Amino acid sequence: MNQKNAGCPVCGADVIFDEDIVNGELVVCSECGLELEVTSTSPLILKEAPQEAEDWGE
């Protein structure tokens, strides 16, 4: 199976994906643990995933 890779926007580590990656997919950087979102598949671009806000039942 073919793989793609992109650099983590925070620590620069290589993040490796299967070729069937899709826009909006979430992955975790194995080096810094940050959750990342795929914003483009060609070229493969990652950005820090938006954090979910706690609503605490409001």
C-alpha atoms as a PDB file:
ATOM      1  CA  MET A   1       0.000   0.000   0.000  1.00  0.00           C
ATOM      2  CA  ASN A   2       1.305   3.452  -0.888  1.00  0.00           C
ATOM      3  CA  GLN A   3       1.736   6.088   1.776  1.00  0.00           C
ATOM      4  CA  LYS A   4       1.958   9.885   1.891  1.00  0.00           C
ATOM      5  CA  ASN A   5       3.629  12.041   4.483  1.00  0.00           C
ATOM      6  CA  ALA A   6       3.464  15.630   5.658  1.00  0.00           C
ATOM      7  CA  GLY A   7       5.226  17.630   8.354  1.00  0.00           C
ATOM      8  CA  CYS A   8       3.524  18.448  11.635  1.00  0.00           C
ATOM      9  CA  PRO A   9       2.915  22.238  11.625  1.00  0.00           C
ATOM     10  CA  VAL A  10       3.967  22.443  15.280  1.00  0.00           C
ATOM     11  CA  CYS A  11       7.004  20.180  15.769  1.00  0.00           C
ATOM     12  CA  GLY A  12       7.957  19.396  12.144  1.00  0.00           C
ATOM     13  CA  ALA A  13       7.886  15.607  12.598  1.00  0.00           C
ATOM     14  CA  ASP A  14       6.843  13.476   9.618  1.00  0.00           C
ATOM     15  CA  VAL A  15       3.240  12.288   9.878  1.00  0.00           C
ATOM     16  CA  ILE A  16       2.618   9.274   7.605  1.00  0.00           C
ATOM     17  CA  PHE A  17      -0.768   8.451   6.049  1.00  0.00           C
ATOM     18  CA  ASP A  18      -2.239   5.759   3.839  1.00  0.00           C
ATOM     19  CA  GLU A  19      -2.821   6.974   0.288  1.00  0.00           C
ATOM     20  CA  ASP A  20      -6.628   7.015   0.808  1.00  0.00           C
ATOM     21  CA  ILE A  21      -6.499   9.967   3.261  1.00  0.00           C
ATOM     22  CA  VAL A  22      -9.413  12.422   2.884  1.00  0.00           C
ATOM     23  CA  ASN A  23      -9.950  16.124   3.646  1.00  0.00           C
ATOM     24  CA  GLY A  24     -11.188  16.681   7.179  1.00  0.00           C
ATOM     25  CA  GLU A  25      -9.601  13.504   8.555  1.00  0.00           C
ATOM     26  CA  LEU A  26      -8.110  13.875  12.040  1.00  0.00           C
ATOM     27  CA  VAL A  27      -4.782  12.336  13.024  1.00  0.00           C
ATOM     28  CA  VAL A  28      -2.443  12.631  16.006  1.00  0.00           C
ATOM     29  CA  CYS A  29       1.231  13.524  15.626  1.00  0.00           C
ATOM     30  CA  SER A  30       3.300  10.687  17.081  1.00  0.00           C
ATOM     31  CA  GLU A  31       6.007  13.121  18.252  1.00  0.00           C
ATOM     32  CA  CYS A  32       4.138  15.966  20.005  1.00  0.00           C
ATOM     33  CA  GLY A  33       0.689  14.368  20.439  1.00  0.00           C
ATOM     34  CA  LEU A  34      -1.158  17.263  18.806  1.00  0.00           C
ATOM     35  CA  GLU A  35      -4.411  16.486  17.004  1.00  0.00           C
ATOM     36  CA  LEU A  36      -4.135  17.544  13.360  1.00  0.00           C
ATOM     37  CA  GLU A  37      -6.680  17.976  10.565  1.00  0.00           C
ATOM     38  CA  VAL A  38      -6.042  17.246   6.888  1.00  0.00           C
ATOM     39  CA  THR A  39      -6.957  20.445   5.012  1.00  0.00           C
ATOM     40  CA  SER A  40      -5.704  19.347   1.579  1.00  0.00           C
ATOM     41  CA  THR A  41      -4.737  16.011   0.058  1.00  0.00           C
ATOM     42  CA  SER A  42      -2.906  17.337  -2.996  1.00  0.00           C
ATOM     43  CA  PRO A  43      -0.539  18.620  -1.780  1.00  0.00           C
ATOM     44  CA  LEU A  44      -0.976  17.023   1.648  1.00  0.00           C
ATOM     45  CA  ILE A  45      -1.423  19.852   4.171  1.00  0.00           C
ATOM     46  CA  LEU A  46      -2.065  19.600   7.908  1.00  0.00           C
ATOM     47  CA  LYS A  47      -3.206  22.195  10.429  1.00  0.00           C
ATOM     48  CA  GLU A  48      -3.903  22.133  14.134  1.00  0.00           C
ATOM     49  CA  ALA A  49      -7.380  20.654  14.659  1.00  0.00           C
ATOM     50  CA  PRO A  50      -9.934  22.973  16.263  1.00  0.00           C
ATOM     51  CA  GLN A  51     -10.513  22.202  19.911  1.00  0.00           C
ATOM     52  CA  GLU A  52     -14.029  21.245  20.965  1.00  0.00           C
ATOM     53  CA  ALA A  53     -15.388  23.628  23.587  1.00  0.00           C
ATOM     54  CA  GLU A  54     -16.964  22.133  26.693  1.00  0.00           C
ATOM     55  CA  ASP A  55     -20.604  23.160  27.029  1.00  0.00           C
ATOM     56  CA  TRP A  56     -21.034  21.776  30.571  1.00  0.00           C
ATOM     57  CA  GLY A  57     -24.749  21.199  29.942  1.00  0.00           C
ATOM     58  CA  GLU A  58     -25.511  24.777  28.960  1.00  0.00           C
END
